[in-house]
Amino acid sequence: GMVLRLNKALYGLKQAPRAWNAKLDLELCRLGFKKSEEEHAVYR
């Protein structure tokens, strides 16, 4: 009857895609990329 607390996202979790996108955004910015203001799926 006990539950488990998640530390990482799982497939099927509604927060998972947003959490993945935030992680990728963070890492690309750390590598010196800047997100396009016109198209948020493009980095330069």
PDB file of all heavy atoms in Angstrom:
ATOM      1  N   GLY A   1       0.788  -1.224   0.000  1.00  0.00           N
ATOM      2  CA  GLY A   1       0.000   0.000   0.000  1.00  0.00           C
ATOM      3  C   GLY A   1       0.823   1.277   0.000  1.00  0.00           C
ATOM      4  O   GLY A   1       0.276   2.367  -0.071  1.00  0.00           O
ATOM      5  N   MET A   2       2.127   1.164   0.088  1.00  0.00           N
ATOM      6  CA  MET A   2       2.997   2.346   0.090  1.00  0.00           C
ATOM      7  C   MET A   2       3.184   2.836  -1.354  1.00  0.00           C
ATOM      8  O   MET A   2       2.978   2.101  -2.302  1.00  0.00           O
ATOM      9  CB  MET A   2       4.367   2.008   0.696  1.00  0.00           C
ATOM     10  CG  MET A   2       4.307   1.510   2.119  1.00  0.00           C
ATOM     11  SD  MET A   2       4.064   2.808   3.319  1.00  0.00           S
ATOM     12  CE  MET A   2       5.662   3.546   3.371  1.00  0.00           C
ATOM     13  N   VAL A   3       3.589   4.074  -1.489  1.00  0.00           N
ATOM     14  CA  VAL A   3       3.861   4.663  -2.796  1.00  0.00           C
ATOM     15  C   VAL A   3       5.330   5.039  -2.887  1.00  0.00           C
ATOM     16  O   VAL A   3       6.042   5.089  -1.876  1.00  0.00           O
ATOM     17  CB  VAL A   3       2.975   5.913  -3.057  1.00  0.00           C
ATOM     18  CG1 VAL A   3       1.512   5.519  -3.146  1.00  0.00           C
ATOM     19  CG2 VAL A   3       3.196   6.966  -1.995  1.00  0.00           C
ATOM     20  N   LEU A   4       5.778   5.305  -4.112  1.00  0.00           N
ATOM     21  CA  LEU A   4       7.174   5.676  -4.349  1.00  0.00           C
ATOM     22  C   LEU A   4       7.223   7.105  -4.890  1.00  0.00           C
ATOM     23  O   LEU A   4       6.384   7.496  -5.710  1.00  0.00           O
ATOM     24  CB  LEU A   4       7.813   4.729  -5.361  1.00  0.00           C
ATOM     25  CG  LEU A   4       7.755   3.239  -5.040  1.00  0.00           C
ATOM     26  CD1 LEU A   4       8.232   2.427  -6.230  1.00  0.00           C
ATOM     27  CD2 LEU A   4       8.604   2.949  -3.816  1.00  0.00           C
ATOM     28  N   ARG A   5       8.217   7.857  -4.462  1.00  0.00           N
ATOM     29  CA  ARG A   5       8.406   9.206  -4.989  1.00  0.00           C
ATOM     30  C   ARG A   5       9.376   9.127  -6.170  1.00  0.00           C
ATOM     31  O   ARG A   5      10.448   8.537  -6.066  1.00  0.00           O
ATOM     32  CB  ARG A   5       8.968  10.133  -3.929  1.00  0.00           C
ATOM     33  CG  ARG A   5       9.163  11.542  -4.455  1.00  0.00           C
ATOM     34  CD  ARG A   5       9.656  12.487  -3.416  1.00  0.00           C
ATOM     35  NE  ARG A   5       9.887  13.786  -4.031  1.00  0.00           N
ATOM     36  CZ  ARG A   5      10.563  14.744  -3.461  1.00  0.00           C
ATOM     37  NH1 ARG A   5      11.067  14.570  -2.253  1.00  0.00           N
ATOM     38  NH2 ARG A   5      10.743  15.885  -4.087  1.00  0.00           N
ATOM     39  N   LEU A   6       8.988   9.731  -7.302  1.00  0.00           N
ATOM     40  CA  LEU A   6       9.840   9.736  -8.489  1.00  0.00           C
ATOM     41  C   LEU A   6      10.877  10.857  -8.398  1.00  0.00           C
ATOM     42  O   LEU A   6      10.557  11.977  -8.008  1.00  0.00           O
ATOM     43  CB  LEU A   6       9.003   9.935  -9.751  1.00  0.00           C
ATOM     44  CG  LEU A   6       8.007   8.844 -10.106  1.00  0.00           C
ATOM     45  CD1 LEU A   6       7.234   9.229 -11.360  1.00  0.00           C
ATOM     46  CD2 LEU A   6       8.710   7.516 -10.296  1.00  0.00           C
ATOM     47  N   ASN A   7      12.098  10.538  -8.792  1.00  0.00           N
ATOM     48  CA  ASN A   7      13.153  11.550  -8.909  1.00  0.00           C
ATOM     49  C   ASN A   7      13.292  12.010 -10.354  1.00  0.00           C
ATOM     50  O   ASN A   7      13.735  13.114 -10.617  1.00  0.00           O
ATOM     51  CB  ASN A   7      14.499  10.995  -8.425  1.00  0.00           C
ATOM     52  CG  ASN A   7      14.489  10.712  -6.943  1.00  0.00           C
ATOM     53  OD1 ASN A   7      13.888  11.443  -6.177  1.00  0.00           O
ATOM     54  ND2 ASN A   7      15.139   9.631  -6.546  1.00  0.00           N
ATOM     55  N   LYS A   8      12.939  11.131 -11.273  1.00  0.00           N
ATOM     56  CA  LYS A   8      13.052  11.405 -12.703  1.00  0.00           C
ATOM     57  C   LYS A   8      11.711  11.133 -13.368  1.00  0.00           C
ATOM     58  O   LYS A   8      10.876  10.405 -12.840  1.00  0.00           O
ATOM     59  CB  LYS A   8      14.119  10.501 -13.355  1.00  0.00           C
ATOM     60  CG  LYS A   8      15.524  10.742 -12.908  1.00  0.00           C
ATOM     61  CD  LYS A   8      16.068  11.913 -13.667  1.00  0.00           C
ATOM     62  CE  LYS A   8      17.573  11.986 -13.531  1.00  0.00           C
ATOM     63  NZ  LYS A   8      18.116  13.037 -14.334  1.00  0.00           N
ATOM     64  N   ALA A   9      11.531  11.718 -14.555  1.00  0.00           N
ATOM     65  CA  ALA A   9      10.298  11.526 -15.304  1.00  0.00           C
ATOM     66  C   ALA A   9      10.209  10.103 -15.858  1.00  0.00           C
ATOM     67  O   ALA A   9      11.224   9.448 -16.088  1.00  0.00           O
ATOM     68  CB  ALA A   9      10.225  12.535 -16.448  1.00  0.00           C
ATOM     69  N   LEU A  10       8.987   9.653 -16.066  1.00  0.00           N
ATOM     70  CA  LEU A  10       8.695   8.356 -16.681  1.00  0.00           C
ATOM     71  C   LEU A  10       7.818   8.575 -17.897  1.00  0.00           C
ATOM     72  O   LEU A  10       7.055   9.549 -17.953  1.00  0.00           O
ATOM     73  CB  LEU A  10       7.949   7.446 -15.706  1.00  0.00           C
ATOM     74  CG  LEU A  10       8.692   6.933 -14.487  1.00  0.00           C
ATOM     75  CD1 LEU A  10       7.742   6.122 -13.611  1.00  0.00           C
ATOM     76  CD2 LEU A  10       9.876   6.085 -14.896  1.00  0.00           C
ATOM     77  N   TYR A  11       7.877   7.655 -18.858  1.00  0.00           N
ATOM     78  CA  TYR A  11       6.975   7.719 -20.003  1.00  0.00           C
ATOM     79  C   TYR A  11       5.537   7.631 -19.512  1.00  0.00           C
ATOM     80  O   TYR A  11       5.238   6.882 -18.594  1.00  0.00           O
ATOM     81  CB  TYR A  11       7.265   6.585 -20.993  1.00  0.00           C
ATOM     82  CG  TYR A  11       8.460   6.871 -21.862  1.00  0.00           C
ATOM     83  CD1 TYR A  11       9.706   6.383 -21.536  1.00  0.00           C
ATOM     84  CD2 TYR A  11       8.336   7.662 -22.995  1.00  0.00           C
ATOM     85  CE1 TYR A  11      10.814   6.654 -22.326  1.00  0.00           C
ATOM     86  CE2 TYR A  11       9.428   7.940 -23.786  1.00  0.00           C
ATOM     87  CZ  TYR A  11      10.660   7.438 -23.446  1.00  0.00           C
ATOM     88  OH  TYR A  11      11.741   7.728 -24.233  1.00  0.00           O
ATOM     89  N   GLY A  12       4.659   8.408 -20.112  1.00  0.00           N
ATOM     90  CA  GLY A  12       3.258   8.419 -19.731  1.00  0.00           C
ATOM     91  C   GLY A  12       2.922   9.459 -18.686  1.00  0.00           C
ATOM     92  O   GLY A  12       1.754   9.782 -18.486  1.00  0.00           O
ATOM     93  N   LEU A  13       3.915   9.992 -18.021  1.00  0.00           N
ATOM     94  CA  LEU A  13       3.695  11.041 -17.030  1.00  0.00           C
ATOM     95  C   LEU A  13       3.462  12.355 -17.758  1.00  0.00           C
ATOM     96  O   LEU A  13       4.220  12.715 -18.659  1.00  0.00           O
ATOM     97  CB  LEU A  13       4.942  11.131 -16.142  1.00  0.00           C
ATOM     98  CG  LEU A  13       4.867  11.957 -14.872  1.00  0.00           C
ATOM     99  CD1 LEU A  13       3.859  11.334 -13.909  1.00  0.00           C
ATOM    100  CD2 LEU A  13       6.239  12.005 -14.221  1.00  0.00           C
ATOM    101  N   LYS A  14       2.403  13.073 -17.403  1.00  0.00           N
ATOM    102  CA  LYS A  14       2.066  14.276 -18.170  1.00  0.00           C
ATOM    103  C   LYS A  14       3.155  15.351 -18.095  1.00  0.00           C
ATOM    104  O   LYS A  14       3.288  16.154 -19.003  1.00  0.00           O
ATOM    105  CB  LYS A  14       0.714  14.841 -17.757  1.00  0.00           C
ATOM    106  CG  LYS A  14       0.670  15.478 -16.398  1.00  0.00           C
ATOM    107  CD  LYS A  14      -0.708  16.063 -16.125  1.00  0.00           C
ATOM    108  CE  LYS A  14      -0.689  16.803 -14.801  1.00  0.00           C
ATOM    109  NZ  LYS A  14      -1.937  17.483 -14.541  1.00  0.00           N
ATOM    110  N   GLN A  15       3.954  15.362 -17.038  1.00  0.00           N
ATOM    111  CA  GLN A  15       5.035  16.339 -16.903  1.00  0.00           C
ATOM    112  C   GLN A  15       6.284  15.942 -17.684  1.00  0.00           C
ATOM    113  O   GLN A  15       7.196  16.741 -17.852  1.00  0.00           O
ATOM    114  CB  GLN A  15       5.459  16.499 -15.433  1.00  0.00           C
ATOM    115  CG  GLN A  15       4.385  16.997 -14.520  1.00  0.00           C
ATOM    116  CD  GLN A  15       3.622  15.867 -13.839  1.00  0.00           C
ATOM    117  OE1 GLN A  15       3.424  14.801 -14.411  1.00  0.00           O
ATOM    118  NE2 GLN A  15       3.172  16.101 -12.623  1.00  0.00           N
ATOM    119  N   ALA A  16       6.367  14.695 -18.152  1.00  0.00           N
ATOM    120  CA  ALA A  16       7.587  14.157 -18.748  1.00  0.00           C
ATOM    121  C   ALA A  16       8.087  14.943 -19.966  1.00  0.00           C
ATOM    122  O   ALA A  16       9.273  15.293 -20.019  1.00  0.00           O
ATOM    123  CB  ALA A  16       7.406  12.682 -19.082  1.00  0.00           C
ATOM    124  N   PRO A  17       7.250  15.236 -20.965  1.00  0.00           N
ATOM    125  CA  PRO A  17       7.770  15.978 -22.121  1.00  0.00           C
ATOM    126  C   PRO A  17       8.310  17.366 -21.743  1.00  0.00           C
ATOM    127  O   PRO A  17       9.338  17.799 -22.245  1.00  0.00           O
ATOM    128  CB  PRO A  17       6.559  16.092 -23.054  1.00  0.00           C
ATOM    129  CG  PRO A  17       5.671  14.969 -22.657  1.00  0.00           C
ATOM    130  CD  PRO A  17       5.864  14.809 -21.179  1.00  0.00           C
ATOM    131  N   ARG A  18       7.606  18.046 -20.847  1.00  0.00           N
ATOM    132  CA  ARG A  18       8.056  19.373 -20.416  1.00  0.00           C
ATOM    133  C   ARG A  18       9.377  19.275 -19.655  1.00  0.00           C
ATOM    134  O   ARG A  18      10.283  20.086 -19.842  1.00  0.00           O
ATOM    135  CB  ARG A  18       6.993  20.031 -19.541  1.00  0.00           C
ATOM    136  CG  ARG A  18       7.333  21.445 -19.148  1.00  0.00           C
ATOM    137  CD  ARG A  18       6.206  22.159 -18.402  1.00  0.00           C
ATOM    138  NE  ARG A  18       5.006  21.382 -18.153  1.00  0.00           N
ATOM    139  CZ  ARG A  18       4.665  20.918 -16.949  1.00  0.00           C
ATOM    140  NH1 ARG A  18       5.414  21.143 -15.901  1.00  0.00           N
ATOM    141  NH2 ARG A  18       3.559  20.223 -16.801  1.00  0.00           N
ATOM    142  N   ALA A  19       9.508  18.261 -18.805  1.00  0.00           N
ATOM    143  CA  ALA A  19      10.744  18.069 -18.040  1.00  0.00           C
ATOM    144  C   ALA A  19      11.917  17.761 -18.976  1.00  0.00           C
ATOM    145  O   ALA A  19      13.020  18.276 -18.789  1.00  0.00           O
ATOM    146  CB  ALA A  19      10.565  16.944 -17.019  1.00  0.00           C
ATOM    147  N   TRP A  20      11.687  16.931 -20.001  1.00  0.00           N
ATOM    148  CA  TRP A  20      12.733  16.624 -20.970  1.00  0.00           C
ATOM    149  C   TRP A  20      13.142  17.878 -21.740  1.00  0.00           C
ATOM    150  O   TRP A  20      14.323  18.165 -21.902  1.00  0.00           O
ATOM    151  CB  TRP A  20      12.304  15.523 -21.933  1.00  0.00           C
ATOM    152  CG  TRP A  20      13.070  15.561 -23.219  1.00  0.00           C
ATOM    153  CD1 TRP A  20      12.581  15.774 -24.469  1.00  0.00           C
ATOM    154  CD2 TRP A  20      14.487  15.404 -23.390  1.00  0.00           C
ATOM    155  NE1 TRP A  20      13.589  15.770 -25.393  1.00  0.00           N
ATOM    156  CE2 TRP A  20      14.778  15.546 -24.756  1.00  0.00           C
ATOM    157  CE3 TRP A  20      15.545  15.170 -22.507  1.00  0.00           C
ATOM    158  CZ2 TRP A  20      16.065  15.462 -25.272  1.00  0.00           C
ATOM    159  CZ3 TRP A  20      16.828  15.083 -23.013  1.00  0.00           C
ATOM    160  CH2 TRP A  20      17.079  15.229 -24.381  1.00  0.00           C
ATOM    161  N   ASN A  21      12.163  18.648 -22.198  1.00  0.00           N
ATOM    162  CA  ASN A  21      12.483  19.854 -22.955  1.00  0.00           C
ATOM    163  C   ASN A  21      13.260  20.851 -22.104  1.00  0.00           C
ATOM    164  O   ASN A  21      14.208  21.478 -22.591  1.00  0.00           O
ATOM    165  CB  ASN A  21      11.200  20.491 -23.496  1.00  0.00           C
ATOM    166  CG  ASN A  21      11.506  21.650 -24.410  1.00  0.00           C
ATOM    167  OD1 ASN A  21      11.572  22.792 -23.966  1.00  0.00           O
ATOM    168  ND2 ASN A  21      11.704  21.354 -25.680  1.00  0.00           N
ATOM    169  N   ALA A  22      12.904  20.992 -20.846  1.00  0.00           N
ATOM    170  CA  ALA A  22      13.621  21.897 -19.946  1.00  0.00           C
ATOM    171  C   ALA A  22      15.064  21.435 -19.748  1.00  0.00           C
ATOM    172  O   ALA A  22      15.991  22.248 -19.725  1.00  0.00           O
ATOM    173  CB  ALA A  22      12.893  21.989 -18.602  1.00  0.00           C
ATOM    174  N   LYS A  23      15.267  20.121 -19.627  1.00  0.00           N
ATOM    175  CA  LYS A  23      16.614  19.571 -19.448  1.00  0.00           C
ATOM    176  C   LYS A  23      17.469  19.826 -20.699  1.00  0.00           C
ATOM    177  O   LYS A  23      18.619  20.258 -20.602  1.00  0.00           O
ATOM    178  CB  LYS A  23      16.525  18.075 -19.154  1.00  0.00           C
ATOM    179  CG  LYS A  23      17.831  17.348 -19.053  1.00  0.00           C
ATOM    180  CD  LYS A  23      18.521  17.654 -17.753  1.00  0.00           C
ATOM    181  CE  LYS A  23      19.701  16.705 -17.551  1.00  0.00           C
ATOM    182  NZ  LYS A  23      20.258  16.818 -16.235  1.00  0.00           N
ATOM    183  N   LEU A  24      16.907  19.562 -21.885  1.00  0.00           N
ATOM    184  CA  LEU A  24      17.643  19.787 -23.123  1.00  0.00           C
ATOM    185  C   LEU A  24      17.962  21.266 -23.296  1.00  0.00           C
ATOM    186  O   LEU A  24      19.077  21.631 -23.662  1.00  0.00           O
ATOM    187  CB  LEU A  24      16.849  19.263 -24.321  1.00  0.00           C
ATOM    188  CG  LEU A  24      17.514  19.437 -25.684  1.00  0.00           C
ATOM    189  CD1 LEU A  24      18.840  18.679 -25.746  1.00  0.00           C
ATOM    190  CD2 LEU A  24      16.584  18.975 -26.785  1.00  0.00           C
ATOM    191  N   ASP A  25      16.991  22.131 -23.012  1.00  0.00           N
ATOM    192  CA  ASP A  25      17.198  23.578 -23.105  1.00  0.00           C
ATOM    193  C   ASP A  25      18.348  24.009 -22.195  1.00  0.00           C
ATOM    194  O   ASP A  25      19.234  24.756 -22.614  1.00  0.00           O
ATOM    195  CB  ASP A  25      15.907  24.309 -22.734  1.00  0.00           C
ATOM    196  CG  ASP A  25      16.062  25.810 -22.788  1.00  0.00           C
ATOM    197  OD1 ASP A  25      16.140  26.361 -23.905  1.00  0.00           O
ATOM    198  OD2 ASP A  25      16.113  26.444 -21.711  1.00  0.00           O
ATOM    199  N   LEU A  26      18.347  23.528 -20.962  1.00  0.00           N
ATOM    200  CA  LEU A  26      19.399  23.865 -20.001  1.00  0.00           C
ATOM    201  C   LEU A  26      20.772  23.443 -20.512  1.00  0.00           C
ATOM    202  O   LEU A  26      21.737  24.223 -20.478  1.00  0.00           O
ATOM    203  CB  LEU A  26      19.108  23.200 -18.651  1.00  0.00           C
ATOM    204  CG  LEU A  26      20.161  23.372 -17.569  1.00  0.00           C
ATOM    205  CD1 LEU A  26      20.164  24.814 -17.065  1.00  0.00           C
ATOM    206  CD2 LEU A  26      19.908  22.400 -16.436  1.00  0.00           C
ATOM    207  N   GLU A  27      20.870  22.227 -21.015  1.00  0.00           N
ATOM    208  CA  GLU A  27      22.166  21.710 -21.470  1.00  0.00           C
ATOM    209  C   GLU A  27      22.656  22.431 -22.730  1.00  0.00           C
ATOM    210  O   GLU A  27      23.848  22.716 -22.865  1.00  0.00           O
ATOM    211  CB  GLU A  27      22.102  20.201 -21.691  1.00  0.00           C
ATOM    212  CG  GLU A  27      21.853  19.402 -20.428  1.00  0.00           C
ATOM    213  CD  GLU A  27      22.909  19.590 -19.351  1.00  0.00           C
ATOM    214  OE1 GLU A  27      24.042  20.046 -19.631  1.00  0.00           O
ATOM    215  OE2 GLU A  27      22.602  19.285 -18.180  1.00  0.00           O
ATOM    216  N   LEU A  28      21.757  22.736 -23.663  1.00  0.00           N
ATOM    217  CA  LEU A  28      22.166  23.473 -24.861  1.00  0.00           C
ATOM    218  C   LEU A  28      22.644  24.879 -24.495  1.00  0.00           C
ATOM    219  O   LEU A  28      23.636  25.362 -25.043  1.00  0.00           O
ATOM    220  CB  LEU A  28      21.032  23.528 -25.879  1.00  0.00           C
ATOM    221  CG  LEU A  28      20.742  22.223 -26.618  1.00  0.00           C
ATOM    222  CD1 LEU A  28      19.481  22.349 -27.466  1.00  0.00           C
ATOM    223  CD2 LEU A  28      21.924  21.792 -27.469  1.00  0.00           C
ATOM    224  N   CYS A  29      21.954  25.518 -23.565  1.00  0.00           N
ATOM    225  CA  CYS A  29      22.390  26.852 -23.115  1.00  0.00           C
ATOM    226  C   CYS A  29      23.748  26.776 -22.423  1.00  0.00           C
ATOM    227  O   CYS A  29      24.591  27.656 -22.610  1.00  0.00           O
ATOM    228  CB  CYS A  29      21.344  27.470 -22.205  1.00  0.00           C
ATOM    229  SG  CYS A  29      19.834  27.944 -23.081  1.00  0.00           S
ATOM    230  N   ARG A  30      23.987  25.725 -21.649  1.00  0.00           N
ATOM    231  CA  ARG A  30      25.307  25.541 -20.997  1.00  0.00           C
ATOM    232  C   ARG A  30      26.419  25.354 -22.029  1.00  0.00           C
ATOM    233  O   ARG A  30      27.565  25.697 -21.779  1.00  0.00           O
ATOM    234  CB  ARG A  30      25.275  24.336 -20.065  1.00  0.00           C
ATOM    235  CG  ARG A  30      24.597  24.580 -18.765  1.00  0.00           C
ATOM    236  CD  ARG A  30      24.712  23.382 -17.857  1.00  0.00           C
ATOM    237  NE  ARG A  30      24.017  23.618 -16.606  1.00  0.00           N
ATOM    238  CZ  ARG A  30      23.676  22.677 -15.764  1.00  0.00           C
ATOM    239  NH1 ARG A  30      23.947  21.404 -16.033  1.00  0.00           N
ATOM    240  NH2 ARG A  30      23.050  22.970 -14.655  1.00  0.00           N
ATOM    241  N   LEU A  31      26.065  24.799 -23.184  1.00  0.00           N
ATOM    242  CA  LEU A  31      27.056  24.594 -24.250  1.00  0.00           C
ATOM    243  C   LEU A  31      27.226  25.839 -25.122  1.00  0.00           C
ATOM    244  O   LEU A  31      27.933  25.804 -26.120  1.00  0.00           O
ATOM    245  CB  LEU A  31      26.653  23.402 -25.117  1.00  0.00           C
ATOM    246  CG  LEU A  31      26.740  22.027 -24.447  1.00  0.00           C
ATOM    247  CD1 LEU A  31      26.175  20.948 -25.354  1.00  0.00           C
ATOM    248  CD2 LEU A  31      28.179  21.699 -24.059  1.00  0.00           C
ATOM    249  N   GLY A  32      26.570  26.930 -24.744  1.00  0.00           N
ATOM    250  CA  GLY A  32      26.754  28.187 -25.453  1.00  0.00           C
ATOM    251  C   GLY A  32      25.741  28.484 -26.530  1.00  0.00           C
ATOM    252  O   GLY A  32      25.924  29.405 -27.327  1.00  0.00           O
ATOM    253  N   PHE A  33      24.641  27.745 -26.562  1.00  0.00           N
ATOM    254  CA  PHE A  33      23.604  27.983 -27.552  1.00  0.00           C
ATOM    255  C   PHE A  33      22.564  28.955 -27.000  1.00  0.00           C
ATOM    256  O   PHE A  33      22.345  29.026 -25.791  1.00  0.00           O
ATOM    257  CB  PHE A  33      22.916  26.677 -27.957  1.00  0.00           C
ATOM    258  CG  PHE A  33      23.754  25.822 -28.851  1.00  0.00           C
ATOM    259  CD1 PHE A  33      24.729  24.992 -28.322  1.00  0.00           C
ATOM    260  CD2 PHE A  33      23.585  25.861 -30.216  1.00  0.00           C
ATOM    261  CE1 PHE A  33      25.514  24.208 -29.142  1.00  0.00           C
ATOM    262  CE2 PHE A  33      24.360  25.078 -31.044  1.00  0.00           C
ATOM    263  CZ  PHE A  33      25.336  24.257 -30.512  1.00  0.00           C
ATOM    264  N   LYS A  34      21.943  29.672 -27.900  1.00  0.00           N
ATOM    265  CA  LYS A  34      20.882  30.604 -27.536  1.00  0.00           C
ATOM    266  C   LYS A  34      19.627  30.209 -28.306  1.00  0.00           C
ATOM    267  O   LYS A  34      19.678  29.968 -29.510  1.00  0.00           O
ATOM    268  CB  LYS A  34      21.281  32.037 -27.886  1.00  0.00           C
ATOM    269  CG  LYS A  34      20.283  33.062 -27.452  1.00  0.00           C
ATOM    270  CD  LYS A  34      20.751  34.469 -27.772  1.00  0.00           C
ATOM    271  CE  LYS A  34      19.672  35.460 -27.384  1.00  0.00           C
ATOM    272  NZ  LYS A  34      19.975  36.810 -27.837  1.00  0.00           N
ATOM    273  N   LYS A  35      18.496  30.154 -27.584  1.00  0.00           N
ATOM    274  CA  LYS A  35      17.225  29.787 -28.215  1.00  0.00           C
ATOM    275  C   LYS A  35      16.741  30.938 -29.094  1.00  0.00           C
ATOM    276  O   LYS A  35      16.810  32.099 -28.712  1.00  0.00           O
ATOM    277  CB  LYS A  35      16.182  29.487 -27.148  1.00  0.00           C
ATOM    278  CG  LYS A  35      14.867  28.965 -27.707  1.00  0.00           C
ATOM    279  CD  LYS A  35      13.783  28.829 -26.663  1.00  0.00           C
ATOM    280  CE  LYS A  35      14.077  27.695 -25.728  1.00  0.00           C
ATOM    281  NZ  LYS A  35      12.945  27.398 -24.833  1.00  0.00           N
ATOM    282  N   SER A  36      16.267  30.602 -30.268  1.00  0.00           N
ATOM    283  CA  SER A  36      15.711  31.598 -31.179  1.00  0.00           C
ATOM    284  C   SER A  36      14.468  32.226 -30.570  1.00  0.00           C
ATOM    285  O   SER A  36      13.631  31.527 -29.992  1.00  0.00           O
ATOM    286  CB  SER A  36      15.350  30.944 -32.518  1.00  0.00           C
ATOM    287  OG  SER A  36      14.583  31.811 -33.307  1.00  0.00           O
ATOM    288  N   GLU A  37      14.341  33.528 -30.702  1.00  0.00           N
ATOM    289  CA  GLU A  37      13.150  34.212 -30.193  1.00  0.00           C
ATOM    290  C   GLU A  37      11.949  33.966 -31.095  1.00  0.00           C
ATOM    291  O   GLU A  37      10.810  34.017 -30.642  1.00  0.00           O
ATOM    292  CB  GLU A  37      13.425  35.711 -30.070  1.00  0.00           C
ATOM    293  CG  GLU A  37      14.436  36.027 -28.984  1.00  0.00           C
ATOM    294  CD  GLU A  37      14.711  37.518 -28.856  1.00  0.00           C
ATOM    295  OE1 GLU A  37      13.903  38.324 -29.348  1.00  0.00           O
ATOM    296  OE2 GLU A  37      15.737  37.862 -28.252  1.00  0.00           O
ATOM    297  N   GLU A  38      12.198  33.708 -32.369  1.00  0.00           N
ATOM    298  CA  GLU A  38      11.107  33.483 -33.317  1.00  0.00           C
ATOM    299  C   GLU A  38      10.624  32.039 -33.329  1.00  0.00           C
ATOM    300  O   GLU A  38       9.452  31.768 -33.546  1.00  0.00           O
ATOM    301  CB  GLU A  38      11.537  33.870 -34.744  1.00  0.00           C
ATOM    302  CG  GLU A  38      11.769  35.344 -34.946  1.00  0.00           C
ATOM    303  CD  GLU A  38      13.134  35.808 -34.428  1.00  0.00           C
ATOM    304  OE1 GLU A  38      14.049  34.961 -34.323  1.00  0.00           O
ATOM    305  OE2 GLU A  38      13.269  36.987 -34.117  1.00  0.00           O
ATOM    306  N   GLU A  39      11.545  31.094 -33.156  1.00  0.00           N
ATOM    307  CA  GLU A  39      11.210  29.669 -33.225  1.00  0.00           C
ATOM    308  C   GLU A  39      11.872  28.970 -32.049  1.00  0.00           C
ATOM    309  O   GLU A  39      13.083  28.775 -32.037  1.00  0.00           O
ATOM    310  CB  GLU A  39      11.686  29.083 -34.552  1.00  0.00           C
ATOM    311  CG  GLU A  39      11.446  27.609 -34.708  1.00  0.00           C
ATOM    312  CD  GLU A  39       9.998  27.216 -34.518  1.00  0.00           C
ATOM    313  OE1 GLU A  39       9.151  27.679 -35.287  1.00  0.00           O
ATOM    314  OE2 GLU A  39       9.721  26.435 -33.585  1.00  0.00           O
ATOM    315  N   HIS A  40      11.077  28.580 -31.063  1.00  0.00           N
ATOM    316  CA  HIS A  40      11.625  28.044 -29.817  1.00  0.00           C
ATOM    317  C   HIS A  40      12.213  26.640 -29.937  1.00  0.00           C
ATOM    318  O   HIS A  40      12.772  26.128 -28.976  1.00  0.00           O
ATOM    319  CB  HIS A  40      10.567  28.097 -28.720  1.00  0.00           C
ATOM    320  CG  HIS A  40      10.186  29.492 -28.356  1.00  0.00           C
ATOM    321  ND1 HIS A  40      11.010  30.324 -27.647  1.00  0.00           N
ATOM    322  CD2 HIS A  40       9.083  30.216 -28.652  1.00  0.00           C
ATOM    323  CE1 HIS A  40      10.430  31.500 -27.491  1.00  0.00           C
ATOM    324  NE2 HIS A  40       9.262  31.466 -28.102  1.00  0.00           N
ATOM    325  N   ALA A  41      12.111  26.027 -31.089  1.00  0.00           N
ATOM    326  CA  ALA A  41      12.708  24.708 -31.295  1.00  0.00           C
ATOM    327  C   ALA A  41      14.039  24.821 -32.030  1.00  0.00           C
ATOM    328  O   ALA A  41      14.601  23.819 -32.450  1.00  0.00           O
ATOM    329  CB  ALA A  41      11.757  23.816 -32.070  1.00  0.00           C
ATOM    330  N   VAL A  42      14.562  26.039 -32.176  1.00  0.00           N
ATOM    331  CA  VAL A  42      15.822  26.267 -32.891  1.00  0.00           C
ATOM    332  C   VAL A  42      16.803  26.984 -31.970  1.00  0.00           C
ATOM    333  O   VAL A  42      16.452  27.963 -31.314  1.00  0.00           O
ATOM    334  CB  VAL A  42      15.593  27.097 -34.174  1.00  0.00           C
ATOM    335  CG1 VAL A  42      16.914  27.420 -34.862  1.00  0.00           C
ATOM    336  CG2 VAL A  42      14.670  26.348 -35.123  1.00  0.00           C
ATOM    337  N   TYR A  43      18.029  26.473 -31.939  1.00  0.00           N
ATOM    338  CA  TYR A  43      19.101  27.046 -31.136  1.00  0.00           C
ATOM    339  C   TYR A  43      20.263  27.401 -32.049  1.00  0.00           C
ATOM    340  O   TYR A  43      20.497  26.731 -33.049  1.00  0.00           O
ATOM    341  CB  TYR A  43      19.591  26.046 -30.083  1.00  0.00           C
ATOM    342  CG  TYR A  43      18.555  25.728 -29.032  1.00  0.00           C
ATOM    343  CD1 TYR A  43      17.508  24.847 -29.287  1.00  0.00           C
ATOM    344  CD2 TYR A  43      18.620  26.317 -27.781  1.00  0.00           C
ATOM    345  CE1 TYR A  43      16.563  24.561 -28.321  1.00  0.00           C
ATOM    346  CE2 TYR A  43      17.683  26.035 -26.808  1.00  0.00           C
ATOM    347  CZ  TYR A  43      16.653  25.155 -27.086  1.00  0.00           C
ATOM    348  OH  TYR A  43      15.717  24.882 -26.127  1.00  0.00           O
ATOM    349  N   ARG A  44      21.022  28.447 -31.650  1.00  0.00           N
ATOM    350  CA  ARG A  44      22.165  28.868 -32.450  1.00  0.00           C
ATOM    351  C   ARG A  44      23.337  29.184 -31.532  1.00  0.00           C
ATOM    352  O   ARG A  44      23.169  29.812 -30.489  1.00  0.00           O
ATOM    353  CB  ARG A  44      21.811  30.095 -33.277  1.00  0.00           C
ATOM    354  CG  ARG A  44      22.979  30.570 -34.129  1.00  0.00           C
ATOM    355  CD  ARG A  44      22.648  31.871 -34.842  1.00  0.00           C
ATOM    356  NE  ARG A  44      23.854  32.438 -35.420  1.00  0.00           N
ATOM    357  CZ  ARG A  44      24.070  32.577 -36.707  1.00  0.00           C
ATOM    358  NH1 ARG A  44      23.163  32.201 -37.568  1.00  0.00           N
ATOM    359  NH2 ARG A  44      25.182  33.097 -37.144  1.00  0.00           N
TER     360      ARG A  44
END
